[in-house]
Amino acid sequence: MGMVLGSQVTPQLAHRVLDWPVSAALLLVGVAASTAAAAAWYRRCGFDPVSAWFGASPAQ
């Protein structure tokens, strides 16, 4: 899934992101927040910090 989505990122799309600053910022905040929440959950379940972080990050 990550490779399919990643293959759609082109230089044109990168330039278009500047047209949607609020959406781009909210997307970054949402991904960071969900990654942090999942990593905290994994830590609570007994994973070591590195495994929890990489397990929680998208497309891993």
PDB file of N, CA and C in Angstrom:
ATOM      1  N   MET A   1       0.822  -1.186   0.000  1.00  0.00           N
ATOM      2  CA  MET A   1       0.000   0.000   0.000  1.00  0.00           C
ATOM      3  C   MET A   1       0.871   1.256   0.000  1.00  0.00           C
ATOM      4  N   GLY A   2       1.907   1.258   0.820  1.00  0.00           N
ATOM      5  CA  GLY A   2       2.785   2.419   0.868  1.00  0.00           C
ATOM      6  C   GLY A   2       3.487   2.678  -0.445  1.00  0.00           C
ATOM      7  N   MET A   3       3.878   1.604  -1.121  1.00  0.00           N
ATOM      8  CA  MET A   3       4.547   1.776  -2.415  1.00  0.00           C
ATOM      9  C   MET A   3       3.581   2.325  -3.460  1.00  0.00           C
ATOM     10  N   VAL A   4       2.346   1.885  -3.427  1.00  0.00           N
ATOM     11  CA  VAL A   4       1.353   2.386  -4.380  1.00  0.00           C
ATOM     12  C   VAL A   4       1.116   3.869  -4.159  1.00  0.00           C
ATOM     13  N   LEU A   5       0.926   4.260  -2.909  1.00  0.00           N
ATOM     14  CA  LEU A   5       0.717   5.677  -2.626  1.00  0.00           C
ATOM     15  C   LEU A   5       1.972   6.491  -2.908  1.00  0.00           C
ATOM     16  N   GLY A   6       3.132   5.971  -2.553  1.00  0.00           N
ATOM     17  CA  GLY A   6       4.379   6.678  -2.794  1.00  0.00           C
ATOM     18  C   GLY A   6       4.682   6.883  -4.266  1.00  0.00           C
ATOM     19  N   SER A   7       4.238   5.951  -5.093  1.00  0.00           N
ATOM     20  CA  SER A   7       4.496   6.090  -6.529  1.00  0.00           C
ATOM     21  C   SER A   7       3.690   7.224  -7.145  1.00  0.00           C
ATOM     22  N   GLN A   8       2.676   7.705  -6.440  1.00  0.00           N
ATOM     23  CA  GLN A   8       1.851   8.801  -6.960  1.00  0.00           C
ATOM     24  C   GLN A   8       2.419  10.176  -6.615  1.00  0.00           C
ATOM     25  N   VAL A   9       3.473  10.221  -5.808  1.00  0.00           N
ATOM     26  CA  VAL A   9       4.076  11.503  -5.442  1.00  0.00           C
ATOM     27  C   VAL A   9       5.008  11.924  -6.570  1.00  0.00           C
ATOM     28  N   THR A  10       4.683  13.020  -7.187  1.00  0.00           N
ATOM     29  CA  THR A  10       5.458  13.547  -8.306  1.00  0.00           C
ATOM     30  C   THR A  10       5.884  14.981  -7.978  1.00  0.00           C
ATOM     31  N   PRO A  11       6.814  15.543  -8.737  1.00  0.00           N
ATOM     32  CA  PRO A  11       7.175  16.948  -8.519  1.00  0.00           C
ATOM     33  C   PRO A  11       5.972  17.889  -8.654  1.00  0.00           C
ATOM     34  N   GLN A  12       5.055  17.570  -9.564  1.00  0.00           N
ATOM     35  CA  GLN A  12       3.865  18.399  -9.723  1.00  0.00           C
ATOM     36  C   GLN A  12       3.013  18.379  -8.456  1.00  0.00           C
ATOM     37  N   LEU A  13       2.875  17.204  -7.844  1.00  0.00           N
ATOM     38  CA  LEU A  13       2.106  17.107  -6.609  1.00  0.00           C
ATOM     39  C   LEU A  13       2.784  17.892  -5.488  1.00  0.00           C
ATOM     40  N   ALA A  14       4.102  17.817  -5.429  1.00  0.00           N
ATOM     41  CA  ALA A  14       4.834  18.567  -4.409  1.00  0.00           C
ATOM     42  C   ALA A  14       4.585  20.069  -4.553  1.00  0.00           C
ATOM     43  N   HIS A  15       4.496  20.554  -5.759  1.00  0.00           N
ATOM     44  CA  HIS A  15       4.215  21.974  -5.969  1.00  0.00           C
ATOM     45  C   HIS A  15       2.764  22.305  -5.616  1.00  0.00           C
ATOM     46  N   ARG A  16       1.856  21.368  -5.855  1.00  0.00           N
ATOM     47  CA  ARG A  16       0.440  21.600  -5.552  1.00  0.00           C
ATOM     48  C   ARG A  16       0.164  21.613  -4.057  1.00  0.00           C
ATOM     49  N   VAL A  17       1.007  20.959  -3.265  1.00  0.00           N
ATOM     50  CA  VAL A  17       0.802  20.945  -1.815  1.00  0.00           C
ATOM     51  C   VAL A  17       0.802  22.367  -1.257  1.00  0.00           C
ATOM     52  N   LEU A  18       1.554  23.235  -1.883  1.00  0.00           N
ATOM     53  CA  LEU A  18       1.592  24.625  -1.435  1.00  0.00           C
ATOM     54  C   LEU A  18       0.247  25.327  -1.630  1.00  0.00           C
ATOM     55  N   ASP A  19      -0.614  24.757  -2.486  1.00  0.00           N
ATOM     56  CA  ASP A  19      -1.951  25.319  -2.678  1.00  0.00           C
ATOM     57  C   ASP A  19      -2.877  24.988  -1.509  1.00  0.00           C
ATOM     58  N   TRP A  20      -2.540  23.984  -0.726  1.00  0.00           N
ATOM     59  CA  TRP A  20      -3.377  23.517   0.377  1.00  0.00           C
ATOM     60  C   TRP A  20      -2.590  23.522   1.688  1.00  0.00           C
ATOM     61  N   PRO A  21      -2.167  24.663   2.187  1.00  0.00           N
ATOM     62  CA  PRO A  21      -1.301  24.677   3.373  1.00  0.00           C
ATOM     63  C   PRO A  21      -1.989  24.132   4.627  1.00  0.00           C
ATOM     64  N   VAL A  22      -3.268  24.426   4.824  1.00  0.00           N
ATOM     65  CA  VAL A  22      -3.959  23.955   6.022  1.00  0.00           C
ATOM     66  C   VAL A  22      -4.113  22.438   5.974  1.00  0.00           C
ATOM     67  N   SER A  23      -4.523  21.910   4.831  1.00  0.00           N
ATOM     68  CA  SER A  23      -4.688  20.461   4.695  1.00  0.00           C
ATOM     69  C   SER A  23      -3.362  19.732   4.876  1.00  0.00           C
ATOM     70  N   ALA A  24      -2.303  20.264   4.294  1.00  0.00           N
ATOM     71  CA  ALA A  24      -0.990  19.639   4.428  1.00  0.00           C
ATOM     72  C   ALA A  24      -0.523  19.664   5.877  1.00  0.00           C
ATOM     73  N   ALA A  25      -0.740  20.765   6.562  1.00  0.00           N
ATOM     74  CA  ALA A  25      -0.332  20.869   7.965  1.00  0.00           C
ATOM     75  C   ALA A  25      -1.141  19.912   8.840  1.00  0.00           C
ATOM     76  N   LEU A  26      -2.455  19.838   8.604  1.00  0.00           N
ATOM     77  CA  LEU A  26      -3.294  18.921   9.379  1.00  0.00           C
ATOM     78  C   LEU A  26      -2.928  17.466   9.121  1.00  0.00           C
ATOM     79  N   LEU A  27      -2.565  17.145   7.896  1.00  0.00           N
ATOM     80  CA  LEU A  27      -2.132  15.789   7.581  1.00  0.00           C
ATOM     81  C   LEU A  27      -0.862  15.436   8.342  1.00  0.00           C
ATOM     82  N   LEU A  28       0.104  16.335   8.351  1.00  0.00           N
ATOM     83  CA  LEU A  28       1.349  16.096   9.088  1.00  0.00           C
ATOM     84  C   LEU A  28       1.098  15.954  10.583  1.00  0.00           C
ATOM     85  N   VAL A  29       0.262  16.817  11.134  1.00  0.00           N
ATOM     86  CA  VAL A  29      -0.059  16.746  12.565  1.00  0.00           C
ATOM     87  C   VAL A  29      -0.790  15.442  12.876  1.00  0.00           C
ATOM     88  N   GLY A  30      -1.719  15.054  12.017  1.00  0.00           N
ATOM     89  CA  GLY A  30      -2.467  13.819  12.239  1.00  0.00           C
ATOM     90  C   GLY A  30      -1.592  12.584  12.199  1.00  0.00           C
ATOM     91  N   VAL A  31      -0.692  12.526  11.246  1.00  0.00           N
ATOM     92  CA  VAL A  31       0.220  11.376  11.156  1.00  0.00           C
ATOM     93  C   VAL A  31       1.141  11.339  12.368  1.00  0.00           C
ATOM     94  N   ALA A  32       1.665  12.490  12.757  1.00  0.00           N
ATOM     95  CA  ALA A  32       2.550  12.533  13.928  1.00  0.00           C
ATOM     96  C   ALA A  32       1.805  12.125  15.197  1.00  0.00           C
ATOM     97  N   ALA A  33       0.579  12.613  15.359  1.00  0.00           N
ATOM     98  CA  ALA A  33      -0.196  12.292  16.557  1.00  0.00           C
ATOM     99  C   ALA A  33      -0.568  10.816  16.606  1.00  0.00           C
ATOM    100  N   SER A  34      -0.990  10.260  15.482  1.00  0.00           N
ATOM    101  CA  SER A  34      -1.365   8.840  15.486  1.00  0.00           C
ATOM    102  C   SER A  34      -0.142   7.950  15.688  1.00  0.00           C
ATOM    103  N   THR A  35       0.991   8.346  15.147  1.00  0.00           N
ATOM    104  CA  THR A  35       2.223   7.582  15.363  1.00  0.00           C
ATOM    105  C   THR A  35       2.634   7.625  16.830  1.00  0.00           C
ATOM    106  N   ALA A  36       2.568   8.799  17.438  1.00  0.00           N
ATOM    107  CA  ALA A  36       2.933   8.938  18.850  1.00  0.00           C
ATOM    108  C   ALA A  36       1.981   8.145  19.740  1.00  0.00           C
ATOM    109  N   ALA A  37       0.684   8.196  19.435  1.00  0.00           N
ATOM    110  CA  ALA A  37      -0.292   7.458  20.245  1.00  0.00           C
ATOM    111  C   ALA A  37      -0.076   5.949  20.127  1.00  0.00           C
ATOM    112  N   ALA A  38       0.159   5.479  18.909  1.00  0.00           N
ATOM    113  CA  ALA A  38       0.390   4.044  18.719  1.00  0.00           C
ATOM    114  C   ALA A  38       1.689   3.606  19.386  1.00  0.00           C
ATOM    115  N   ALA A  39       2.729   4.429  19.305  1.00  0.00           N
ATOM    116  CA  ALA A  39       4.001   4.088  19.942  1.00  0.00           C
ATOM    117  C   ALA A  39       3.837   4.019  21.456  1.00  0.00           C
ATOM    118  N   ALA A  40       3.061   4.944  22.020  1.00  0.00           N
ATOM    119  CA  ALA A  40       2.813   4.917  23.464  1.00  0.00           C
ATOM    120  C   ALA A  40       2.062   3.641  23.854  1.00  0.00           C
ATOM    121  N   TRP A  41       1.107   3.250  23.034  1.00  0.00           N
ATOM    122  CA  TRP A  41       0.359   2.022  23.306  1.00  0.00           C
ATOM    123  C   TRP A  41       1.276   0.798  23.254  1.00  0.00           C
ATOM    124  N   TYR A  42       2.113   0.742  22.240  1.00  0.00           N
ATOM    125  CA  TYR A  42       3.043  -0.388  22.126  1.00  0.00           C
ATOM    126  C   TYR A  42       4.001  -0.438  23.314  1.00  0.00           C
ATOM    127  N   ARG A  43       4.456   0.740  23.771  1.00  0.00           N
ATOM    128  CA  ARG A  43       5.331   0.780  24.959  1.00  0.00           C
ATOM    129  C   ARG A  43       4.592   0.242  26.175  1.00  0.00           C
ATOM    130  N   ARG A  44       3.328   0.614  26.294  1.00  0.00           N
ATOM    131  CA  ARG A  44       2.524   0.142  27.423  1.00  0.00           C
ATOM    132  C   ARG A  44       2.325  -1.370  27.361  1.00  0.00           C
ATOM    133  N   CYS A  45       2.311  -1.920  26.166  1.00  0.00           N
ATOM    134  CA  CYS A  45       2.131  -3.369  25.983  1.00  0.00           C
ATOM    135  C   CYS A  45       3.442  -4.136  26.133  1.00  0.00           C
ATOM    136  N   GLY A  46       4.554  -3.428  26.374  1.00  0.00           N
ATOM    137  CA  GLY A  46       5.808  -4.107  26.670  1.00  0.00           C
ATOM    138  C   GLY A  46       6.872  -4.072  25.589  1.00  0.00           C
ATOM    139  N   PHE A  47       6.627  -3.367  24.500  1.00  0.00           N
ATOM    140  CA  PHE A  47       7.644  -3.269  23.457  1.00  0.00           C
ATOM    141  C   PHE A  47       8.756  -2.325  23.905  1.00  0.00           C
ATOM    142  N   ASP A  48       9.965  -2.553  23.412  1.00  0.00           N
ATOM    143  CA  ASP A  48      11.047  -1.612  23.690  1.00  0.00           C
ATOM    144  C   ASP A  48      10.810  -0.340  22.866  1.00  0.00           C
ATOM    145  N   PRO A  49      11.432   0.780  23.239  1.00  0.00           N
ATOM    146  CA  PRO A  49      11.139   2.055  22.570  1.00  0.00           C
ATOM    147  C   PRO A  49      11.356   2.043  21.059  1.00  0.00           C
ATOM    148  N   VAL A  50      12.451   1.444  20.602  1.00  0.00           N
ATOM    149  CA  VAL A  50      12.737   1.446  19.168  1.00  0.00           C
ATOM    150  C   VAL A  50      11.705   0.620  18.410  1.00  0.00           C
ATOM    151  N   SER A  51      11.389  -0.556  18.905  1.00  0.00           N
ATOM    152  CA  SER A  51      10.390  -1.400  18.242  1.00  0.00           C
ATOM    153  C   SER A  51       9.019  -0.735  18.248  1.00  0.00           C
ATOM    154  N   ALA A  52       8.682  -0.081  19.354  1.00  0.00           N
ATOM    155  CA  ALA A  52       7.394   0.605  19.445  1.00  0.00           C
ATOM    156  C   ALA A  52       7.312   1.726  18.417  1.00  0.00           C
ATOM    157  N   TRP A  53       8.375   2.501  18.291  1.00  0.00           N
ATOM    158  CA  TRP A  53       8.371   3.621  17.349  1.00  0.00           C
ATOM    159  C   TRP A  53       8.271   3.136  15.906  1.00  0.00           C
ATOM    160  N   PHE A  54       9.105   2.168  15.547  1.00  0.00           N
ATOM    161  CA  PHE A  54       9.073   1.684  14.172  1.00  0.00           C
ATOM    162  C   PHE A  54       7.800   0.911  13.867  1.00  0.00           C
ATOM    163  N   GLY A  55       7.266   0.219  14.865  1.00  0.00           N
ATOM    164  CA  GLY A  55       6.007  -0.487  14.667  1.00  0.00           C
ATOM    165  C   GLY A  55       4.838   0.453  14.495  1.00  0.00           C
ATOM    166  N   ALA A  56       4.913   1.610  15.086  1.00  0.00           N
ATOM    167  CA  ALA A  56       3.830   2.575  15.015  1.00  0.00           C
ATOM    168  C   ALA A  56       3.910   3.470  13.768  1.00  0.00           C
ATOM    169  N   SER A  57       5.088   3.580  13.187  1.00  0.00           N
ATOM    170  CA  SER A  57       5.224   4.488  12.045  1.00  0.00           C
ATOM    171  C   SER A  57       4.541   3.925  10.803  1.00  0.00           C
ATOM    172  N   PRO A  58       3.969   4.812   9.991  1.00  0.00           N
ATOM    173  CA  PRO A  58       3.256   4.357   8.797  1.00  0.00           C
ATOM    174  C   PRO A  58       4.193   3.672   7.791  1.00  0.00           C
ATOM    175  N   ALA A  59       3.658   2.699   7.119  1.00  0.00           N
ATOM    176  CA  ALA A  59       4.334   1.990   6.020  1.00  0.00           C
ATOM    177  C   ALA A  59       5.579   1.230   6.471  1.00  0.00           C
ATOM    178  N   GLN A  60       5.567   0.713   7.669  1.00  0.00           N
ATOM    179  CA  GLN A  60       6.703  -0.104   8.133  1.00  0.00           C
ATOM    180  C   GLN A  60       6.345  -1.546   8.139  1.00  0.00           C
TER     181      GLN A  60
END
